[in-house]
Amino acid sequence: MAAFDEEFVATINLPGRVGVLATASPDGKPNAAYFGSPRLDVEGKLIMGMMENRSLKNLEANPYAVFFTVKESPVGFTTPGWRLYLECKQIDREGEALKQVKSAIAQAAGEQAAAGIKAAVIFEVSEVRPLVDMG
């Protein structure tokens, strides 16, 4: 598992930060979805709230994903950002993790958004690459 300094974690966790989660079905069909709920800790654990959607279904069958996020906008080829390579370690449909995720989403996006969250998905970050990597 990767470990991160507090500055990187704070940057990923900035309020309003959004990104794209890429997953694939068991037969390899890709999916990309927009998410604003991920929270990273210094030990490399990323937790995200999810509705009953294609991303969640894909992760139940195929635990690998990539989360793509940028540091600033507008976005271009010099924009700083990252690709976090993930492995889903746990999907909680009840319990403390789900309660915490729903609470955070309620504060950030409102009760209606939180009501739709059906799972807290816990990932391990295995690798981080820059948004643009010309090497």
C-alpha atoms as a PDB file:
ATOM      1  CA  MET A   1       0.000   0.000   0.000  1.00  0.00           C
ATOM      2  CA  ALA A   2       1.202   3.496  -0.796  1.00  0.00           C
ATOM      3  CA  ALA A   3       1.788   6.107   1.902  1.00  0.00           C
ATOM      4  CA  PHE A   4       1.328   9.836   1.385  1.00  0.00           C
ATOM      5  CA  ASP A   5       2.382  13.065   3.007  1.00  0.00           C
ATOM      6  CA  GLU A   6      -0.280  15.238   4.591  1.00  0.00           C
ATOM      7  CA  GLU A   7       0.007  17.933   1.904  1.00  0.00           C
ATOM      8  CA  PHE A   8      -0.889  15.473  -0.873  1.00  0.00           C
ATOM      9  CA  VAL A   9      -3.778  14.057   1.183  1.00  0.00           C
ATOM     10  CA  ALA A  10      -5.111  17.565   1.908  1.00  0.00           C
ATOM     11  CA  THR A  11      -4.943  18.408  -1.807  1.00  0.00           C
ATOM     12  CA  ILE A  12      -6.902  15.297  -2.810  1.00  0.00           C
ATOM     13  CA  ASN A  13      -9.449  15.922  -0.027  1.00  0.00           C
ATOM     14  CA  LEU A  14     -10.107  19.594  -0.761  1.00  0.00           C
ATOM     15  CA  PRO A  15     -13.807  20.435  -0.493  1.00  0.00           C
ATOM     16  CA  GLY A  16     -15.323  20.516  -3.953  1.00  0.00           C
ATOM     17  CA  ARG A  17     -12.648  18.272  -5.477  1.00  0.00           C
ATOM     18  CA  VAL A  18     -14.148  15.948  -8.063  1.00  0.00           C
ATOM     19  CA  GLY A  19     -12.773  13.341 -10.388  1.00  0.00           C
ATOM     20  CA  VAL A  20     -13.552  10.415 -12.629  1.00  0.00           C
ATOM     21  CA  LEU A  21     -13.550   6.816 -11.432  1.00  0.00           C
ATOM     22  CA  ALA A  22     -12.815   4.279 -14.161  1.00  0.00           C
ATOM     23  CA  THR A  23     -13.916   0.679 -13.629  1.00  0.00           C
ATOM     24  CA  ALA A  24     -14.418  -2.349 -15.853  1.00  0.00           C
ATOM     25  CA  SER A  25     -16.961  -5.131 -15.847  1.00  0.00           C
ATOM     26  CA  PRO A  26     -15.834  -8.760 -15.553  1.00  0.00           C
ATOM     27  CA  ASP A  27     -15.911  -9.033 -19.350  1.00  0.00           C
ATOM     28  CA  GLY A  28     -13.786  -5.900 -19.776  1.00  0.00           C
ATOM     29  CA  LYS A  29     -16.407  -3.292 -20.666  1.00  0.00           C
ATOM     30  CA  PRO A  30     -15.158   0.068 -19.376  1.00  0.00           C
ATOM     31  CA  ASN A  31     -17.122   2.574 -17.343  1.00  0.00           C
ATOM     32  CA  ALA A  32     -16.205   6.089 -16.219  1.00  0.00           C
ATOM     33  CA  ALA A  33     -18.201   8.069 -13.683  1.00  0.00           C
ATOM     34  CA  TYR A  34     -17.914  11.461 -12.015  1.00  0.00           C
ATOM     35  CA  PHE A  35     -17.430  11.400  -8.217  1.00  0.00           C
ATOM     36  CA  GLY A  36     -16.990  14.069  -5.574  1.00  0.00           C
ATOM     37  CA  SER A  37     -16.957  12.013  -2.395  1.00  0.00           C
ATOM     38  CA  PRO A  38     -13.499  10.352  -2.194  1.00  0.00           C
ATOM     39  CA  ARG A  39     -11.435  10.817   0.967  1.00  0.00           C
ATOM     40  CA  LEU A  40      -7.811   9.700   1.172  1.00  0.00           C
ATOM     41  CA  ASP A  41      -5.742   9.084   4.305  1.00  0.00           C
ATOM     42  CA  VAL A  42      -1.953   9.096   4.708  1.00  0.00           C
ATOM     43  CA  GLU A  43      -1.825   5.279   4.795  1.00  0.00           C
ATOM     44  CA  GLY A  44      -3.177   5.085   1.236  1.00  0.00           C
ATOM     45  CA  LYS A  45      -6.777   4.149   1.998  1.00  0.00           C
ATOM     46  CA  LEU A  46      -9.377   5.919  -0.121  1.00  0.00           C
ATOM     47  CA  ILE A  47     -13.059   5.739   0.802  1.00  0.00           C
ATOM     48  CA  MET A  48     -15.922   6.722  -1.465  1.00  0.00           C
ATOM     49  CA  GLY A  49     -19.708   6.732  -1.199  1.00  0.00           C
ATOM     50  CA  MET A  50     -21.639   5.094  -4.032  1.00  0.00           C
ATOM     51  CA  MET A  51     -25.198   4.723  -5.185  1.00  0.00           C
ATOM     52  CA  GLU A  52     -26.458   1.497  -6.748  1.00  0.00           C
ATOM     53  CA  ASN A  53     -24.752   2.153 -10.058  1.00  0.00           C
ATOM     54  CA  ARG A  54     -22.588   0.595 -12.735  1.00  0.00           C
ATOM     55  CA  SER A  55     -19.361   1.508 -10.901  1.00  0.00           C
ATOM     56  CA  LEU A  56     -20.465  -0.348  -7.768  1.00  0.00           C
ATOM     57  CA  LYS A  57     -21.586  -3.394  -9.757  1.00  0.00           C
ATOM     58  CA  ASN A  58     -18.272  -3.464 -11.602  1.00  0.00           C
ATOM     59  CA  LEU A  59     -16.295  -3.254  -8.342  1.00  0.00           C
ATOM     60  CA  GLU A  60     -18.248  -6.153  -6.857  1.00  0.00           C
ATOM     61  CA  ALA A  61     -16.915  -8.333  -9.675  1.00  0.00           C
ATOM     62  CA  ASN A  62     -13.618  -6.649 -10.572  1.00  0.00           C
ATOM     63  CA  PRO A  63     -11.843  -4.802  -7.729  1.00  0.00           C
ATOM     64  CA  TYR A  64      -9.485  -2.687  -9.859  1.00  0.00           C
ATOM     65  CA  ALA A  65     -10.122   0.946 -10.702  1.00  0.00           C
ATOM     66  CA  VAL A  66      -8.423   4.268 -11.429  1.00  0.00           C
ATOM     67  CA  PHE A  67      -9.451   7.627  -9.971  1.00  0.00           C
ATOM     68  CA  PHE A  68      -8.469  10.616 -12.109  1.00  0.00           C
ATOM     69  CA  THR A  69      -8.449  14.100 -10.551  1.00  0.00           C
ATOM     70  CA  VAL A  70      -6.969  17.502 -11.332  1.00  0.00           C
ATOM     71  CA  LYS A  71      -5.488  20.091  -9.029  1.00  0.00           C
ATOM     72  CA  GLU A  72      -6.826  23.177 -10.801  1.00  0.00           C
ATOM     73  CA  SER A  73      -8.754  24.395 -13.803  1.00  0.00           C
ATOM     74  CA  PRO A  74      -8.953  25.087 -16.659  1.00  0.00           C
ATOM     75  CA  VAL A  75      -7.611  21.715 -17.691  1.00  0.00           C
ATOM     76  CA  GLY A  76      -4.889  21.405 -20.307  1.00  0.00           C
ATOM     77  CA  PHE A  77      -1.705  19.439 -20.931  1.00  0.00           C
ATOM     78  CA  THR A  78       0.152  21.361 -18.221  1.00  0.00           C
ATOM     79  CA  THR A  79      -2.555  20.968 -15.557  1.00  0.00           C
ATOM     80  CA  PRO A  80      -1.306  19.250 -12.416  1.00  0.00           C
ATOM     81  CA  GLY A  81      -3.293  16.227 -11.365  1.00  0.00           C
ATOM     82  CA  TRP A  82      -3.082  12.549 -10.597  1.00  0.00           C
ATOM     83  CA  ARG A  83      -4.208   9.070 -11.508  1.00  0.00           C
ATOM     84  CA  LEU A  84      -4.685   6.959  -8.392  1.00  0.00           C
ATOM     85  CA  TYR A  85      -4.616   3.228  -9.141  1.00  0.00           C
ATOM     86  CA  LEU A  86      -6.962   1.461  -6.753  1.00  0.00           C
ATOM     87  CA  GLU A  87      -7.953  -1.958  -5.513  1.00  0.00           C
ATOM     88  CA  CYS A  88     -11.338  -2.288  -3.833  1.00  0.00           C
ATOM     89  CA  LYS A  89     -10.839  -3.966  -0.460  1.00  0.00           C
ATOM     90  CA  GLN A  90     -14.286  -3.627   1.106  1.00  0.00           C
ATOM     91  CA  ILE A  91     -17.847  -2.636   0.245  1.00  0.00           C
ATOM     92  CA  ASP A  92     -19.936  -1.724   3.289  1.00  0.00           C
ATOM     93  CA  ARG A  93     -23.696  -1.517   2.797  1.00  0.00           C
ATOM     94  CA  GLU A  94     -24.221  -0.869   6.517  1.00  0.00           C
ATOM     95  CA  GLY A  95     -22.169   0.110   9.543  1.00  0.00           C
ATOM     96  CA  GLU A  96     -19.906   2.916  10.669  1.00  0.00           C
ATOM     97  CA  ALA A  97     -18.067   3.529   7.376  1.00  0.00           C
ATOM     98  CA  LEU A  98     -21.342   4.006   5.500  1.00  0.00           C
ATOM     99  CA  LYS A  99     -22.685   6.250   8.259  1.00  0.00           C
ATOM    100  CA  GLN A 100     -19.575   8.465   8.100  1.00  0.00           C
ATOM    101  CA  VAL A 101     -19.641   8.687   4.311  1.00  0.00           C
ATOM    102  CA  LYS A 102     -23.333   9.610   4.278  1.00  0.00           C
ATOM    103  CA  SER A 103     -22.758  12.256   6.952  1.00  0.00           C
ATOM    104  CA  ALA A 104     -19.891  13.839   4.995  1.00  0.00           C
ATOM    105  CA  ILE A 105     -21.933  13.833   1.780  1.00  0.00           C
ATOM    106  CA  ALA A 106     -24.918  15.369   3.569  1.00  0.00           C
ATOM    107  CA  GLN A 107     -22.709  18.221   4.777  1.00  0.00           C
ATOM    108  CA  ALA A 108     -21.117  18.772   1.369  1.00  0.00           C
ATOM    109  CA  ALA A 109     -24.022  18.138  -1.003  1.00  0.00           C
ATOM    110  CA  GLY A 110     -27.185  17.927   1.092  1.00  0.00           C
ATOM    111  CA  GLU A 111     -29.440  15.297   2.590  1.00  0.00           C
ATOM    112  CA  GLN A 112     -30.960  14.303  -0.761  1.00  0.00           C
ATOM    113  CA  ALA A 113     -27.534  13.397  -2.162  1.00  0.00           C
ATOM    114  CA  ALA A 114     -26.647  11.455   1.001  1.00  0.00           C
ATOM    115  CA  ALA A 115     -29.920   9.528   0.897  1.00  0.00           C
ATOM    116  CA  GLY A 116     -28.921   7.969  -2.426  1.00  0.00           C
ATOM    117  CA  ILE A 117     -25.647   6.557  -1.089  1.00  0.00           C
ATOM    118  CA  LYS A 118     -25.965   2.795  -0.619  1.00  0.00           C
ATOM    119  CA  ALA A 119     -22.356   1.751   0.010  1.00  0.00           C
ATOM    120  CA  ALA A 120     -19.069   2.940   1.430  1.00  0.00           C
ATOM    121  CA  VAL A 121     -16.349   1.575  -0.839  1.00  0.00           C
ATOM    122  CA  ILE A 122     -12.875   1.269   0.634  1.00  0.00           C
ATOM    123  CA  PHE A 123      -9.905   1.146  -1.710  1.00  0.00           C
ATOM    124  CA  GLU A 124      -6.193   0.670  -1.287  1.00  0.00           C
ATOM    125  CA  VAL A 125      -4.080   2.982  -3.448  1.00  0.00           C
ATOM    126  CA  SER A 126      -1.417   0.874  -5.138  1.00  0.00           C
ATOM    127  CA  GLU A 127       0.159   3.513  -7.383  1.00  0.00           C
ATOM    128  CA  VAL A 128      -0.057   7.223  -8.161  1.00  0.00           C
ATOM    129  CA  ARG A 129       0.904   8.619 -11.532  1.00  0.00           C
ATOM    130  CA  PRO A 130       0.798  12.206 -12.732  1.00  0.00           C
ATOM    131  CA  LEU A 131      -2.150  13.303 -14.815  1.00  0.00           C
ATOM    132  CA  VAL A 132       0.073  13.811 -17.840  1.00  0.00           C
ATOM    133  CA  ASP A 133       3.034  11.462 -18.148  1.00  0.00           C
ATOM    134  CA  MET A 134       5.095  11.975 -21.282  1.00  0.00           C
ATOM    135  CA  GLY A 135       7.664   9.331 -20.265  1.00  0.00           C
END
